[in-house]
Amino acid sequence: MAQGQRGLQGAQRGFCERLQGSMHWGEEWVLPLVPCRSWFDHVQGWMSMKEKENVLVVSYEEMKKDLRNTVEKICRFLGKALEPSELDLVLENSSFQAMKENELCNLSTASRELIPENFKLTRKGIVGDWKNHFTPAQTQAFEETLPEKLPGLPLELFPWD
């Protein structure tokens, strides 16, 4: 699954700040959880494989817009037909709220030596929260850098606004 740079940067910034207190967020667009790689390199690597028969690119934004259609798309890709009741169960358990409450997804059972006690892996579960984490200068820098670093990127993959 791909997530738009703005959403991912905001999510990772919040994730790292909650884990480490605070961190410097430079203009290099480096992903702290993907060592030594920029978001652009990360996305370009996956987009270069999107035509392979064993790769399906799905964005978080796409899932938030239409989870049912996205799950059906994943099922078609996997060659798996679901009964209506099975599809409903997948949808129910794939919702942001369900995953936020699921101990297997929310790190609530993780070792306190690794994860601080009040740490929350999830934030709001909405598209567009990046606007609360990017300064106007960062937004402008990103918009200027995107076409240069990822020419031909299908912008519909990341409907940011």
N, C-alpha and C. Protein backbone atom coordinates (compact mmCIF):
# COMPACT_ATOMS: atom_id res chain seq x y z
N MET A 1 0.84 -1.17 0.00
CA MET A 1 0.00 0.00 0.00
C MET A 1 0.89 1.22 0.00
N ALA A 2 0.52 2.19 -0.76
CA ALA A 2 1.23 3.45 -0.80
C ALA A 2 0.40 4.49 -0.07
N GLN A 3 1.06 5.43 0.52
CA GLN A 3 0.37 6.55 1.13
C GLN A 3 1.02 7.80 0.60
N GLY A 4 0.21 8.80 0.31
CA GLY A 4 0.72 10.05 -0.21
C GLY A 4 1.81 10.62 0.70
N GLN A 5 2.79 11.27 0.07
CA GLN A 5 3.92 11.83 0.80
C GLN A 5 3.46 12.70 1.96
N ARG A 6 2.51 13.54 1.70
CA ARG A 6 2.08 14.45 2.75
C ARG A 6 1.49 13.68 3.93
N GLY A 7 0.61 12.75 3.63
CA GLY A 7 0.02 11.96 4.70
C GLY A 7 1.04 11.09 5.40
N LEU A 8 1.92 10.49 4.62
CA LEU A 8 2.94 9.62 5.21
C LEU A 8 3.93 10.42 6.03
N GLN A 9 4.37 11.56 5.50
CA GLN A 9 5.30 12.38 6.27
C GLN A 9 4.65 12.83 7.57
N GLY A 10 3.40 13.26 7.50
CA GLY A 10 2.70 13.67 8.72
C GLY A 10 2.56 12.52 9.70
N ALA A 11 2.20 11.35 9.17
CA ALA A 11 2.04 10.17 10.03
C ALA A 11 3.37 9.76 10.64
N GLN A 12 4.42 9.72 9.83
CA GLN A 12 5.71 9.29 10.35
C GLN A 12 6.29 10.34 11.29
N ARG A 13 6.06 11.60 10.97
CA ARG A 13 6.54 12.65 11.87
C ARG A 13 5.87 12.49 13.22
N GLY A 14 4.56 12.31 13.22
CA GLY A 14 3.83 12.13 14.48
C GLY A 14 4.27 10.86 15.19
N PHE A 15 4.47 9.78 14.43
CA PHE A 15 4.90 8.51 15.00
C PHE A 15 6.25 8.68 15.70
N CYS A 16 7.18 9.30 15.00
CA CYS A 16 8.52 9.45 15.58
C CYS A 16 8.51 10.43 16.75
N GLU A 17 7.74 11.49 16.64
CA GLU A 17 7.67 12.44 17.75
C GLU A 17 7.07 11.79 18.98
N ARG A 18 6.07 10.93 18.79
CA ARG A 18 5.47 10.26 19.94
C ARG A 18 6.43 9.25 20.54
N LEU A 19 7.25 8.64 19.70
CA LEU A 19 8.23 7.68 20.22
C LEU A 19 9.45 8.37 20.83
N GLN A 20 9.92 9.43 20.17
CA GLN A 20 11.19 10.03 20.56
C GLN A 20 11.05 11.41 21.18
N GLY A 21 9.88 11.93 21.27
CA GLY A 21 9.68 13.26 21.83
C GLY A 21 9.62 14.30 20.73
N SER A 22 10.69 14.50 20.01
CA SER A 22 10.73 15.47 18.93
C SER A 22 11.88 15.10 18.00
N MET A 23 11.77 15.52 16.77
CA MET A 23 12.86 15.23 15.83
C MET A 23 12.93 16.33 14.80
N HIS A 24 14.08 16.50 14.22
CA HIS A 24 14.25 17.47 13.15
C HIS A 24 13.64 16.91 11.88
N TRP A 25 12.89 17.71 11.18
CA TRP A 25 12.24 17.27 9.96
C TRP A 25 12.76 18.13 8.83
N GLY A 26 13.80 17.66 8.16
CA GLY A 26 14.45 18.44 7.12
C GLY A 26 13.68 18.45 5.82
N GLU A 27 14.21 19.16 4.87
CA GLU A 27 13.57 19.30 3.57
C GLU A 27 13.97 18.18 2.60
N GLU A 28 14.68 17.17 3.08
CA GLU A 28 15.11 16.08 2.23
C GLU A 28 14.02 15.04 2.01
N TRP A 29 12.93 15.13 2.76
CA TRP A 29 11.82 14.19 2.65
C TRP A 29 12.28 12.76 2.92
N VAL A 30 13.16 12.62 3.89
CA VAL A 30 13.67 11.31 4.24
C VAL A 30 12.70 10.63 5.19
N LEU A 31 12.43 9.37 4.94
CA LEU A 31 11.55 8.60 5.80
C LEU A 31 12.36 8.05 6.96
N PRO A 32 12.05 8.43 8.18
CA PRO A 32 12.83 7.90 9.31
C PRO A 32 12.66 6.41 9.50
N LEU A 33 11.57 5.84 9.02
CA LEU A 33 11.35 4.41 9.19
C LEU A 33 11.81 3.60 8.00
N VAL A 34 12.32 4.27 6.98
CA VAL A 34 12.91 3.60 5.83
C VAL A 34 14.34 4.14 5.75
N PRO A 35 15.26 3.51 6.47
CA PRO A 35 16.61 4.06 6.63
C PRO A 35 17.26 4.46 5.31
N CYS A 36 17.76 5.69 5.30
CA CYS A 36 18.56 6.23 4.19
C CYS A 36 17.82 6.30 2.87
N ARG A 37 16.52 6.34 2.90
CA ARG A 37 15.76 6.44 1.65
C ARG A 37 14.81 7.60 1.73
N SER A 38 14.70 8.31 0.65
CA SER A 38 13.72 9.39 0.59
C SER A 38 12.37 8.78 0.21
N TRP A 39 11.31 9.51 0.47
CA TRP A 39 9.97 9.06 0.07
C TRP A 39 9.92 8.90 -1.44
N PHE A 40 10.56 9.81 -2.16
CA PHE A 40 10.55 9.74 -3.62
C PHE A 40 11.19 8.44 -4.10
N ASP A 41 12.33 8.06 -3.53
CA ASP A 41 12.98 6.80 -3.92
C ASP A 41 12.10 5.61 -3.56
N HIS A 42 11.48 5.67 -2.40
CA HIS A 42 10.60 4.60 -1.94
C HIS A 42 9.44 4.39 -2.93
N VAL A 43 8.76 5.48 -3.28
CA VAL A 43 7.63 5.40 -4.20
C VAL A 43 8.09 4.99 -5.60
N GLN A 44 9.19 5.58 -6.06
CA GLN A 44 9.69 5.24 -7.40
C GLN A 44 10.02 3.76 -7.50
N GLY A 45 10.59 3.20 -6.45
CA GLY A 45 10.91 1.77 -6.45
C GLY A 45 9.68 0.91 -6.65
N TRP A 46 8.60 1.25 -5.96
CA TRP A 46 7.36 0.47 -6.11
C TRP A 46 6.65 0.77 -7.42
N MET A 47 6.64 2.03 -7.82
CA MET A 47 5.96 2.39 -9.07
C MET A 47 6.66 1.76 -10.27
N SER A 48 7.96 1.53 -10.18
CA SER A 48 8.67 0.90 -11.30
C SER A 48 8.27 -0.57 -11.45
N MET A 49 7.63 -1.13 -10.43
CA MET A 49 7.21 -2.53 -10.49
C MET A 49 5.70 -2.69 -10.65
N LYS A 50 4.97 -1.60 -10.79
CA LYS A 50 3.50 -1.68 -10.78
C LYS A 50 2.91 -2.47 -11.93
N GLU A 51 3.66 -2.65 -13.00
CA GLU A 51 3.15 -3.42 -14.14
C GLU A 51 3.42 -4.92 -13.98
N LYS A 52 4.18 -5.31 -12.99
CA LYS A 52 4.45 -6.73 -12.77
C LYS A 52 3.17 -7.41 -12.31
N GLU A 53 3.01 -8.65 -12.70
CA GLU A 53 1.77 -9.36 -12.39
C GLU A 53 1.60 -9.66 -10.90
N ASN A 54 2.67 -9.61 -10.13
CA ASN A 54 2.56 -9.91 -8.70
C ASN A 54 2.65 -8.68 -7.81
N VAL A 55 2.42 -7.48 -8.40
CA VAL A 55 2.44 -6.24 -7.62
C VAL A 55 1.13 -5.49 -7.86
N LEU A 56 0.51 -5.10 -6.77
CA LEU A 56 -0.69 -4.27 -6.83
C LEU A 56 -0.43 -3.03 -5.99
N VAL A 57 -0.57 -1.87 -6.58
CA VAL A 57 -0.37 -0.62 -5.87
C VAL A 57 -1.74 -0.09 -5.45
N VAL A 58 -1.90 0.10 -4.16
CA VAL A 58 -3.14 0.62 -3.58
C VAL A 58 -2.75 1.75 -2.63
N SER A 59 -3.44 2.84 -2.69
CA SER A 59 -3.12 3.95 -1.79
C SER A 59 -4.08 3.98 -0.60
N TYR A 60 -3.59 4.54 0.49
CA TYR A 60 -4.41 4.74 1.68
C TYR A 60 -5.60 5.63 1.32
N GLU A 61 -5.33 6.64 0.52
CA GLU A 61 -6.39 7.55 0.11
C GLU A 61 -7.48 6.81 -0.66
N GLU A 62 -7.08 5.89 -1.52
CA GLU A 62 -8.03 5.08 -2.29
C GLU A 62 -8.88 4.22 -1.34
N MET A 63 -8.24 3.62 -0.35
CA MET A 63 -8.97 2.79 0.60
C MET A 63 -9.95 3.62 1.42
N LYS A 64 -9.55 4.81 1.82
CA LYS A 64 -10.44 5.66 2.61
C LYS A 64 -11.63 6.13 1.77
N LYS A 65 -11.41 6.35 0.50
CA LYS A 65 -12.48 6.82 -0.37
C LYS A 65 -13.52 5.73 -0.60
N ASP A 66 -13.07 4.50 -0.82
CA ASP A 66 -14.00 3.42 -1.16
C ASP A 66 -13.39 2.08 -0.73
N LEU A 67 -13.52 1.75 0.54
CA LEU A 67 -12.92 0.54 1.08
C LEU A 67 -13.47 -0.71 0.40
N ARG A 68 -14.77 -0.77 0.20
CA ARG A 68 -15.37 -1.95 -0.43
C ARG A 68 -14.77 -2.21 -1.81
N ASN A 69 -14.72 -1.19 -2.63
CA ASN A 69 -14.18 -1.34 -3.98
C ASN A 69 -12.70 -1.73 -3.92
N THR A 70 -11.96 -1.16 -2.97
CA THR A 70 -10.54 -1.48 -2.85
C THR A 70 -10.34 -2.93 -2.41
N VAL A 71 -11.14 -3.40 -1.46
CA VAL A 71 -11.04 -4.80 -1.02
C VAL A 71 -11.41 -5.72 -2.19
N GLU A 72 -12.43 -5.37 -2.94
CA GLU A 72 -12.80 -6.19 -4.10
C GLU A 72 -11.67 -6.20 -5.14
N LYS A 73 -11.00 -5.07 -5.32
CA LYS A 73 -9.86 -4.98 -6.24
C LYS A 73 -8.73 -5.90 -5.77
N ILE A 74 -8.47 -5.90 -4.47
CA ILE A 74 -7.43 -6.77 -3.91
C ILE A 74 -7.82 -8.24 -4.10
N CYS A 75 -9.09 -8.56 -3.89
CA CYS A 75 -9.57 -9.93 -4.08
C CYS A 75 -9.39 -10.37 -5.54
N ARG A 76 -9.75 -9.50 -6.48
CA ARG A 76 -9.56 -9.84 -7.90
C ARG A 76 -8.09 -10.08 -8.19
N PHE A 77 -7.23 -9.22 -7.65
CA PHE A 77 -5.79 -9.36 -7.85
C PHE A 77 -5.29 -10.70 -7.33
N LEU A 78 -5.81 -11.11 -6.18
CA LEU A 78 -5.39 -12.37 -5.56
C LEU A 78 -6.12 -13.59 -6.14
N GLY A 79 -7.12 -13.34 -6.99
CA GLY A 79 -7.90 -14.45 -7.55
C GLY A 79 -8.77 -15.11 -6.51
N LYS A 80 -9.26 -14.32 -5.55
CA LYS A 80 -10.05 -14.84 -4.44
C LYS A 80 -11.44 -14.23 -4.48
N ALA A 81 -12.44 -15.07 -4.56
CA ALA A 81 -13.82 -14.60 -4.51
C ALA A 81 -14.33 -14.74 -3.07
N LEU A 82 -14.94 -13.70 -2.57
CA LEU A 82 -15.50 -13.73 -1.22
C LEU A 82 -17.01 -13.79 -1.29
N GLU A 83 -17.58 -14.54 -0.38
CA GLU A 83 -19.03 -14.51 -0.21
C GLU A 83 -19.39 -13.14 0.37
N PRO A 84 -20.61 -12.68 0.15
CA PRO A 84 -21.00 -11.37 0.70
C PRO A 84 -20.75 -11.24 2.20
N SER A 85 -21.01 -12.29 2.97
CA SER A 85 -20.78 -12.22 4.42
C SER A 85 -19.29 -12.13 4.75
N GLU A 86 -18.46 -12.78 3.93
CA GLU A 86 -17.00 -12.70 4.14
C GLU A 86 -16.50 -11.30 3.82
N LEU A 87 -17.01 -10.73 2.74
CA LEU A 87 -16.63 -9.37 2.37
C LEU A 87 -17.03 -8.39 3.46
N ASP A 88 -18.24 -8.55 3.99
CA ASP A 88 -18.69 -7.68 5.08
C ASP A 88 -17.77 -7.79 6.29
N LEU A 89 -17.32 -8.99 6.59
CA LEU A 89 -16.43 -9.21 7.73
C LEU A 89 -15.07 -8.55 7.50
N VAL A 90 -14.55 -8.67 6.28
CA VAL A 90 -13.28 -8.00 5.95
C VAL A 90 -13.44 -6.49 6.09
N LEU A 91 -14.53 -5.96 5.56
CA LEU A 91 -14.76 -4.51 5.65
C LEU A 91 -14.87 -4.05 7.10
N GLU A 92 -15.61 -4.81 7.89
CA GLU A 92 -15.78 -4.46 9.30
C GLU A 92 -14.44 -4.44 10.03
N ASN A 93 -13.61 -5.44 9.77
CA ASN A 93 -12.34 -5.55 10.48
C ASN A 93 -11.22 -4.74 9.86
N SER A 94 -11.46 -4.15 8.70
CA SER A 94 -10.47 -3.30 8.04
C SER A 94 -10.73 -1.82 8.28
N SER A 95 -11.78 -1.50 8.98
CA SER A 95 -12.07 -0.10 9.24
C SER A 95 -11.00 0.48 10.16
N PHE A 96 -10.81 1.76 10.09
CA PHE A 96 -9.83 2.41 10.95
C PHE A 96 -10.15 2.16 12.42
N GLN A 97 -11.40 2.31 12.78
CA GLN A 97 -11.80 2.13 14.18
C GLN A 97 -11.53 0.71 14.67
N ALA A 98 -11.85 -0.28 13.84
CA ALA A 98 -11.62 -1.67 14.24
C ALA A 98 -10.13 -1.95 14.41
N MET A 99 -9.31 -1.44 13.51
CA MET A 99 -7.88 -1.68 13.62
C MET A 99 -7.28 -0.90 14.78
N LYS A 100 -7.82 0.28 15.05
CA LYS A 100 -7.35 1.07 16.19
C LYS A 100 -7.61 0.34 17.50
N GLU A 101 -8.71 -0.40 17.57
CA GLU A 101 -9.08 -1.12 18.79
C GLU A 101 -8.51 -2.53 18.86
N ASN A 102 -7.99 -3.05 17.77
CA ASN A 102 -7.47 -4.42 17.72
C ASN A 102 -6.08 -4.50 18.34
N GLU A 103 -5.93 -5.31 19.37
CA GLU A 103 -4.64 -5.43 20.06
C GLU A 103 -3.53 -5.91 19.14
N LEU A 104 -3.87 -6.65 18.10
CA LEU A 104 -2.85 -7.14 17.17
C LEU A 104 -2.36 -6.05 16.23
N CYS A 105 -3.10 -4.94 16.15
CA CYS A 105 -2.74 -3.85 15.25
C CYS A 105 -2.26 -2.59 15.98
N ASN A 106 -2.65 -2.39 17.22
CA ASN A 106 -2.42 -1.10 17.86
C ASN A 106 -1.24 -1.05 18.82
N LEU A 107 -0.47 -2.10 18.90
CA LEU A 107 0.73 -2.18 19.74
C LEU A 107 0.45 -2.13 21.25
N SER A 108 -0.80 -2.27 21.64
CA SER A 108 -1.13 -2.17 23.06
C SER A 108 -0.54 -3.33 23.87
N THR A 109 -0.24 -4.44 23.21
CA THR A 109 0.34 -5.57 23.93
C THR A 109 1.85 -5.66 23.74
N ALA A 110 2.44 -4.68 23.05
CA ALA A 110 3.89 -4.69 22.82
C ALA A 110 4.63 -4.44 24.12
N SER A 111 5.85 -4.90 24.15
CA SER A 111 6.71 -4.71 25.32
C SER A 111 6.87 -3.23 25.63
N ARG A 112 6.69 -2.85 26.86
CA ARG A 112 6.85 -1.45 27.28
C ARG A 112 8.31 -1.01 27.21
N GLU A 113 9.22 -1.96 27.08
CA GLU A 113 10.62 -1.61 26.86
C GLU A 113 10.81 -1.05 25.46
N LEU A 114 9.97 -1.46 24.53
CA LEU A 114 10.06 -1.00 23.15
C LEU A 114 9.13 0.17 22.85
N ILE A 115 7.95 0.14 23.43
CA ILE A 115 6.92 1.13 23.13
C ILE A 115 6.48 1.78 24.43
N PRO A 116 6.54 3.11 24.53
CA PRO A 116 6.08 3.79 25.76
C PRO A 116 4.62 3.45 26.07
N GLU A 117 4.28 3.46 27.34
CA GLU A 117 2.97 2.99 27.80
C GLU A 117 1.79 3.70 27.15
N ASN A 118 1.84 5.00 27.00
CA ASN A 118 0.70 5.74 26.44
C ASN A 118 0.83 6.00 24.94
N PHE A 119 1.74 5.32 24.28
CA PHE A 119 1.97 5.51 22.86
C PHE A 119 0.77 5.02 22.04
N LYS A 120 0.37 5.81 21.04
CA LYS A 120 -0.72 5.44 20.13
C LYS A 120 -0.15 5.36 18.72
N LEU A 121 -0.28 4.20 18.10
CA LEU A 121 0.22 4.00 16.74
C LEU A 121 -0.63 4.77 15.74
N THR A 122 -1.91 4.83 15.99
CA THR A 122 -2.83 5.47 15.06
C THR A 122 -3.06 6.92 15.45
N ARG A 123 -3.42 7.70 14.45
CA ARG A 123 -3.76 9.09 14.71
C ARG A 123 -5.26 9.25 14.48
N LYS A 124 -5.63 9.98 13.44
CA LYS A 124 -7.04 10.29 13.20
C LYS A 124 -7.70 9.38 12.18
N GLY A 125 -6.92 8.76 11.33
CA GLY A 125 -7.49 7.89 10.31
C GLY A 125 -8.19 8.64 9.20
N ILE A 126 -7.73 9.85 8.94
CA ILE A 126 -8.36 10.67 7.90
C ILE A 126 -7.33 11.03 6.84
N VAL A 127 -7.81 11.33 5.67
CA VAL A 127 -6.97 11.82 4.59
C VAL A 127 -6.88 13.33 4.73
N GLY A 128 -5.69 13.87 4.53
CA GLY A 128 -5.53 15.32 4.52
C GLY A 128 -5.01 15.90 5.82
N ASP A 129 -4.76 15.07 6.82
CA ASP A 129 -4.25 15.60 8.09
C ASP A 129 -2.84 16.15 7.95
N TRP A 130 -2.18 15.84 6.85
CA TRP A 130 -0.85 16.39 6.60
C TRP A 130 -0.85 17.91 6.69
N LYS A 131 -2.00 18.52 6.38
CA LYS A 131 -2.09 19.98 6.41
C LYS A 131 -1.82 20.54 7.80
N ASN A 132 -2.03 19.71 8.82
CA ASN A 132 -1.78 20.14 10.19
C ASN A 132 -0.32 19.93 10.60
N HIS A 133 0.50 19.35 9.73
CA HIS A 133 1.87 19.03 10.07
C HIS A 133 2.90 19.70 9.16
N PHE A 134 2.49 20.13 7.98
CA PHE A 134 3.38 20.78 7.04
C PHE A 134 3.25 22.29 7.18
N THR A 135 4.37 22.98 7.14
CA THR A 135 4.34 24.43 7.07
C THR A 135 4.05 24.81 5.62
N PRO A 136 3.62 26.05 5.37
CA PRO A 136 3.44 26.47 3.97
C PRO A 136 4.72 26.32 3.15
N ALA A 137 5.87 26.57 3.75
CA ALA A 137 7.14 26.44 3.04
C ALA A 137 7.41 24.97 2.68
N GLN A 138 7.10 24.05 3.57
CA GLN A 138 7.28 22.62 3.28
C GLN A 138 6.34 22.18 2.17
N THR A 139 5.11 22.65 2.20
CA THR A 139 4.14 22.31 1.15
C THR A 139 4.64 22.80 -0.19
N GLN A 140 5.09 24.04 -0.24
CA GLN A 140 5.60 24.59 -1.49
C GLN A 140 6.82 23.84 -1.98
N ALA A 141 7.75 23.52 -1.08
CA ALA A 141 8.95 22.78 -1.46
C ALA A 141 8.58 21.41 -2.01
N PHE A 142 7.64 20.76 -1.37
CA PHE A 142 7.22 19.45 -1.85
C PHE A 142 6.60 19.54 -3.24
N GLU A 143 5.69 20.50 -3.42
CA GLU A 143 5.02 20.64 -4.71
C GLU A 143 6.00 20.97 -5.83
N GLU A 144 7.07 21.69 -5.51
CA GLU A 144 8.09 22.01 -6.51
C GLU A 144 8.99 20.81 -6.79
N THR A 145 9.21 19.97 -5.80
CA THR A 145 10.12 18.84 -5.93
C THR A 145 9.46 17.63 -6.58
N LEU A 146 8.17 17.44 -6.35
CA LEU A 146 7.46 16.26 -6.84
C LEU A 146 7.63 16.00 -8.33
N PRO A 147 7.34 16.96 -9.21
CA PRO A 147 7.46 16.67 -10.65
C PRO A 147 8.89 16.34 -11.08
N GLU A 148 9.86 16.93 -10.39
CA GLU A 148 11.26 16.67 -10.71
C GLU A 148 11.68 15.26 -10.28
N LYS A 149 11.28 14.86 -9.09
CA LYS A 149 11.71 13.57 -8.54
C LYS A 149 10.89 12.40 -9.06
N LEU A 150 9.61 12.64 -9.36
CA LEU A 150 8.73 11.56 -9.81
C LEU A 150 7.96 11.97 -11.07
N PRO A 151 8.68 12.20 -12.16
CA PRO A 151 7.97 12.57 -13.38
C PRO A 151 7.06 11.42 -13.81
N GLY A 152 5.87 11.75 -14.21
CA GLY A 152 4.95 10.72 -14.68
C GLY A 152 4.19 10.00 -13.57
N LEU A 153 4.39 10.41 -12.32
CA LEU A 153 3.65 9.77 -11.23
C LEU A 153 2.16 10.00 -11.44
N PRO A 154 1.36 8.93 -11.44
CA PRO A 154 -0.09 9.15 -11.60
C PRO A 154 -0.65 9.86 -10.37
N LEU A 155 -0.93 11.14 -10.51
CA LEU A 155 -1.36 11.95 -9.38
C LEU A 155 -2.69 11.48 -8.79
N GLU A 156 -3.48 10.74 -9.59
CA GLU A 156 -4.74 10.22 -9.05
C GLU A 156 -4.48 9.16 -7.97
N LEU A 157 -3.27 8.63 -7.91
CA LEU A 157 -2.93 7.66 -6.86
C LEU A 157 -2.96 8.33 -5.49
N PHE A 158 -2.59 9.59 -5.44
CA PHE A 158 -2.55 10.34 -4.19
C PHE A 158 -3.42 11.59 -4.28
N PRO A 159 -4.73 11.46 -4.15
CA PRO A 159 -5.61 12.64 -4.21
C PRO A 159 -5.52 13.44 -2.92
N TRP A 160 -4.53 14.32 -2.82
CA TRP A 160 -4.21 14.99 -1.57
C TRP A 160 -5.20 16.05 -1.14
N ASP A 161 -5.82 16.70 -2.07
CA ASP A 161 -6.69 17.82 -1.66
C ASP A 161 -8.14 17.43 -1.62
